[in-house]
Amino acid sequence: MLVEKYEELNWNIETPDPIEAIKYRMEEMNLKQKDLIRYIRNKSKVSEL
């Protein structure tokens, strides 16, 4: 579609790195790593952030 092609060429937004996106959101919400344990439920995975 023409509109999609135009947007792709002129407004292309890169997909963010998932880890960086999580860190950004944590900072935005004033969260610490320990706050993620209840969501991720794996302390070692949380520490990888």
PDB file of N, CA and C in Angstrom:
ATOM      1  N   MET A   1       0.841  -1.169   0.000  1.00  0.00           N
ATOM      2  CA  MET A   1       0.000   0.000   0.000  1.00  0.00           C
ATOM      3  C   MET A   1       0.894   1.243   0.000  1.00  0.00           C
ATOM      4  N   LEU A   2       0.482   2.261  -0.695  1.00  0.00           N
ATOM      5  CA  LEU A   2       1.261   3.483  -0.870  1.00  0.00           C
ATOM      6  C   LEU A   2       1.532   4.196   0.457  1.00  0.00           C
ATOM      7  N   VAL A   3       0.528   4.287   1.301  1.00  0.00           N
ATOM      8  CA  VAL A   3       0.694   4.971   2.590  1.00  0.00           C
ATOM      9  C   VAL A   3       1.716   4.241   3.452  1.00  0.00           C
ATOM     10  N   GLU A   4       1.642   2.931   3.479  1.00  0.00           N
ATOM     11  CA  GLU A   4       2.588   2.143   4.274  1.00  0.00           C
ATOM     12  C   GLU A   4       4.018   2.356   3.787  1.00  0.00           C
ATOM     13  N   LYS A   5       4.200   2.388   2.484  1.00  0.00           N
ATOM     14  CA  LYS A   5       5.530   2.599   1.916  1.00  0.00           C
ATOM     15  C   LYS A   5       6.055   3.988   2.285  1.00  0.00           C
ATOM     16  N   TYR A   6       5.188   4.998   2.181  1.00  0.00           N
ATOM     17  CA  TYR A   6       5.574   6.360   2.554  1.00  0.00           C
ATOM     18  C   TYR A   6       5.993   6.419   4.021  1.00  0.00           C
ATOM     19  N   GLU A   7       5.179   5.843   4.890  1.00  0.00           N
ATOM     20  CA  GLU A   7       5.490   5.853   6.319  1.00  0.00           C
ATOM     21  C   GLU A   7       6.780   5.092   6.609  1.00  0.00           C
ATOM     22  N   GLU A   8       6.977   4.005   5.920  1.00  0.00           N
ATOM     23  CA  GLU A   8       8.190   3.207   6.102  1.00  0.00           C
ATOM     24  C   GLU A   8       9.434   4.015   5.730  1.00  0.00           C
ATOM     25  N   LEU A   9       9.338   4.782   4.664  1.00  0.00           N
ATOM     26  CA  LEU A   9      10.480   5.575   4.204  1.00  0.00           C
ATOM     27  C   LEU A   9      10.697   6.846   5.021  1.00  0.00           C
ATOM     28  N   ASN A  10       9.614   7.470   5.475  1.00  0.00           N
ATOM     29  CA  ASN A  10       9.717   8.778   6.115  1.00  0.00           C
ATOM     30  C   ASN A  10       9.524   8.779   7.625  1.00  0.00           C
ATOM     31  N   TRP A  11       8.899   7.774   8.163  1.00  0.00           N
ATOM     32  CA  TRP A  11       8.595   7.746   9.592  1.00  0.00           C
ATOM     33  C   TRP A  11       8.979   6.417  10.215  1.00  0.00           C
ATOM     34  N   ASN A  12      10.013   5.816   9.706  1.00  0.00           N
ATOM     35  CA  ASN A  12      10.429   4.504  10.188  1.00  0.00           C
ATOM     36  C   ASN A  12      10.925   4.605  11.631  1.00  0.00           C
ATOM     37  N   ILE A  13      10.318   3.862  12.522  1.00  0.00           N
ATOM     38  CA  ILE A  13      10.710   3.838  13.925  1.00  0.00           C
ATOM     39  C   ILE A  13      11.327   2.474  14.204  1.00  0.00           C
ATOM     40  N   GLU A  14      12.563   2.503  14.646  1.00  0.00           N
ATOM     41  CA  GLU A  14      13.264   1.262  14.959  1.00  0.00           C
ATOM     42  C   GLU A  14      12.630   0.587  16.171  1.00  0.00           C
ATOM     43  N   THR A  15      12.615  -0.719  16.151  1.00  0.00           N
ATOM     44  CA  THR A  15      12.143  -1.475  17.302  1.00  0.00           C
ATOM     45  C   THR A  15      13.183  -1.344  18.405  1.00  0.00           C
ATOM     46  N   PRO A  16      12.742  -0.949  19.598  1.00  0.00           N
ATOM     47  CA  PRO A  16      13.726  -0.767  20.670  1.00  0.00           C
ATOM     48  C   PRO A  16      14.273  -2.095  21.176  1.00  0.00           C
ATOM     49  N   ASP A  17      15.476  -2.042  21.716  1.00  0.00           N
ATOM     50  CA  ASP A  17      16.053  -3.201  22.377  1.00  0.00           C
ATOM     51  C   ASP A  17      15.170  -3.519  23.590  1.00  0.00           C
ATOM     52  N   PRO A  18      14.705  -4.753  23.748  1.00  0.00           N
ATOM     53  CA  PRO A  18      13.789  -5.087  24.847  1.00  0.00           C
ATOM     54  C   PRO A  18      14.340  -4.740  26.230  1.00  0.00           C
ATOM     55  N   ILE A  19      15.610  -5.005  26.461  1.00  0.00           N
ATOM     56  CA  ILE A  19      16.203  -4.713  27.766  1.00  0.00           C
ATOM     57  C   ILE A  19      16.229  -3.206  28.015  1.00  0.00           C
ATOM     58  N   GLU A  20      16.606  -2.447  26.999  1.00  0.00           N
ATOM     59  CA  GLU A  20      16.630  -0.989  27.145  1.00  0.00           C
ATOM     60  C   GLU A  20      15.224  -0.438  27.362  1.00  0.00           C
ATOM     61  N   ALA A  21      14.235  -1.038  26.711  1.00  0.00           N
ATOM     62  CA  ALA A  21      12.851  -0.600  26.896  1.00  0.00           C
ATOM     63  C   ALA A  21      12.390  -0.860  28.329  1.00  0.00           C
ATOM     64  N   ILE A  22      12.760  -2.007  28.877  1.00  0.00           N
ATOM     65  CA  ILE A  22      12.404  -2.330  30.264  1.00  0.00           C
ATOM     66  C   ILE A  22      13.090  -1.364  31.219  1.00  0.00           C
ATOM     67  N   LYS A  23      14.372  -1.118  30.994  1.00  0.00           N
ATOM     68  CA  LYS A  23      15.111  -0.191  31.860  1.00  0.00           C
ATOM     69  C   LYS A  23      14.509   1.214  31.805  1.00  0.00           C
ATOM     70  N   TYR A  24      14.138   1.643  30.615  1.00  0.00           N
ATOM     71  CA  TYR A  24      13.529   2.966  30.462  1.00  0.00           C
ATOM     72  C   TYR A  24      12.222   3.043  31.245  1.00  0.00           C
ATOM     73  N   ARG A  25      11.407   2.015  31.102  1.00  0.00           N
ATOM     74  CA  ARG A  25      10.110   1.993  31.805  1.00  0.00           C
ATOM     75  C   ARG A  25      10.302   1.926  33.315  1.00  0.00           C
ATOM     76  N   MET A  26      11.300   1.163  33.752  1.00  0.00           N
ATOM     77  CA  MET A  26      11.593   1.082  35.185  1.00  0.00           C
ATOM     78  C   MET A  26      11.966   2.462  35.726  1.00  0.00           C
ATOM     79  N   GLU A  27      12.809   3.165  34.991  1.00  0.00           N
ATOM     80  CA  GLU A  27      13.216   4.505  35.419  1.00  0.00           C
ATOM     81  C   GLU A  27      12.019   5.446  35.448  1.00  0.00           C
ATOM     82  N   GLU A  28      11.186   5.345  34.424  1.00  0.00           N
ATOM     83  CA  GLU A  28      10.004   6.188  34.317  1.00  0.00           C
ATOM     84  C   GLU A  28       9.049   5.967  35.495  1.00  0.00           C
ATOM     85  N   MET A  29       8.945   4.708  35.936  1.00  0.00           N
ATOM     86  CA  MET A  29       8.028   4.356  37.022  1.00  0.00           C
ATOM     87  C   MET A  29       8.723   4.288  38.386  1.00  0.00           C
ATOM     88  N   ASN A  30      10.003   4.677  38.403  1.00  0.00           N
ATOM     89  CA  ASN A  30      10.790   4.659  39.637  1.00  0.00           C
ATOM     90  C   ASN A  30      10.805   3.266  40.282  1.00  0.00           C
ATOM     91  N   LEU A  31      11.027   2.247  39.467  1.00  0.00           N
ATOM     92  CA  LEU A  31      11.085   0.867  39.945  1.00  0.00           C
ATOM     93  C   LEU A  31      12.533   0.417  40.086  1.00  0.00           C
ATOM     94  N   LYS A  32      12.748  -0.492  40.989  1.00  0.00           N
ATOM     95  CA  LYS A  32      14.054  -1.126  41.187  1.00  0.00           C
ATOM     96  C   LYS A  32      13.962  -2.558  40.670  1.00  0.00           C
ATOM     97  N   GLN A  33      15.123  -3.203  40.523  1.00  0.00           N
ATOM     98  CA  GLN A  33      15.133  -4.588  40.041  1.00  0.00           C
ATOM     99  C   GLN A  33      14.272  -5.488  40.915  1.00  0.00           C
ATOM    100  N   LYS A  34      14.334  -5.285  42.215  1.00  0.00           N
ATOM    101  CA  LYS A  34      13.569  -6.142  43.125  1.00  0.00           C
ATOM    102  C   LYS A  34      12.061  -6.037  42.877  1.00  0.00           C
ATOM    103  N   ASP A  35      11.603  -4.913  42.325  1.00  0.00           N
ATOM    104  CA  ASP A  35      10.181  -4.737  42.036  1.00  0.00           C
ATOM    105  C   ASP A  35       9.713  -5.625  40.883  1.00  0.00           C
ATOM    106  N   LEU A  36      10.649  -6.060  40.046  1.00  0.00           N
ATOM    107  CA  LEU A  36      10.287  -6.891  38.893  1.00  0.00           C
ATOM    108  C   LEU A  36      10.117  -8.370  39.245  1.00  0.00           C
ATOM    109  N   ILE A  37      10.621  -8.760  40.384  1.00  0.00           N
ATOM    110  CA  ILE A  37      10.574 -10.181  40.758  1.00  0.00           C
ATOM    111  C   ILE A  37       9.145 -10.705  40.756  1.00  0.00           C
ATOM    112  N   ARG A  38       8.204  -9.910  41.204  1.00  0.00           N
ATOM    113  CA  ARG A  38       6.810 -10.386  41.246  1.00  0.00           C
ATOM    114  C   ARG A  38       6.220 -10.587  39.849  1.00  0.00           C
ATOM    115  N   TYR A  39       6.794  -9.940  38.839  1.00  0.00           N
ATOM    116  CA  TYR A  39       6.312 -10.110  37.468  1.00  0.00           C
ATOM    117  C   TYR A  39       7.067 -11.210  36.729  1.00  0.00           C
ATOM    118  N   ILE A  40       8.377 -11.224  36.895  1.00  0.00           N
ATOM    119  CA  ILE A  40       9.210 -12.184  36.171  1.00  0.00           C
ATOM    120  C   ILE A  40       9.314 -13.510  36.917  1.00  0.00           C
ATOM    121  N   ARG A  41       9.237 -13.445  38.245  1.00  0.00           N
ATOM    122  CA  ARG A  41       9.241 -14.625  39.122  1.00  0.00           C
ATOM    123  C   ARG A  41      10.499 -15.473  39.019  1.00  0.00           C
ATOM    124  N   ASN A  42      11.573 -14.828  38.622  1.00  0.00           N
ATOM    125  CA  ASN A  42      12.842 -15.531  38.551  1.00  0.00           C
ATOM    126  C   ASN A  42      13.933 -14.520  38.885  1.00  0.00           C
ATOM    127  N   LYS A  43      14.445 -14.617  40.094  1.00  0.00           N
ATOM    128  CA  LYS A  43      15.400 -13.627  40.595  1.00  0.00           C
ATOM    129  C   LYS A  43      16.650 -13.531  39.720  1.00  0.00           C
ATOM    130  N   SER A  44      17.120 -14.663  39.210  1.00  0.00           N
ATOM    131  CA  SER A  44      18.328 -14.629  38.378  1.00  0.00           C
ATOM    132  C   SER A  44      18.073 -13.922  37.047  1.00  0.00           C
ATOM    133  N   LYS A  45      16.879 -14.076  36.489  1.00  0.00           N
ATOM    134  CA  LYS A  45      16.547 -13.365  35.243  1.00  0.00           C
ATOM    135  C   LYS A  45      16.462 -11.862  35.487  1.00  0.00           C
ATOM    136  N   VAL A  46      15.900 -11.485  36.623  1.00  0.00           N
ATOM    137  CA  VAL A  46      15.803 -10.069  36.960  1.00  0.00           C
ATOM    138  C   VAL A  46      17.194  -9.468  37.093  1.00  0.00           C
ATOM    139  N   SER A  47      18.115 -10.205  37.678  1.00  0.00           N
ATOM    140  CA  SER A  47      19.465  -9.676  37.876  1.00  0.00           C
ATOM    141  C   SER A  47      20.208  -9.492  36.554  1.00  0.00           C
ATOM    142  N   GLU A  48      19.770 -10.152  35.494  1.00  0.00           N
ATOM    143  CA  GLU A  48      20.387  -9.979  34.178  1.00  0.00           C
ATOM    144  C   GLU A  48      20.099  -8.600  33.591  1.00  0.00           C
ATOM    145  N   LEU A  49      19.076  -7.963  34.107  1.00  0.00           N
ATOM    146  CA  LEU A  49      18.762  -6.616  33.638  1.00  0.00           C
ATOM    147  C   LEU A  49      19.777  -5.661  34.191  1.00  0.00           C
TER     148      LEU A  49
END
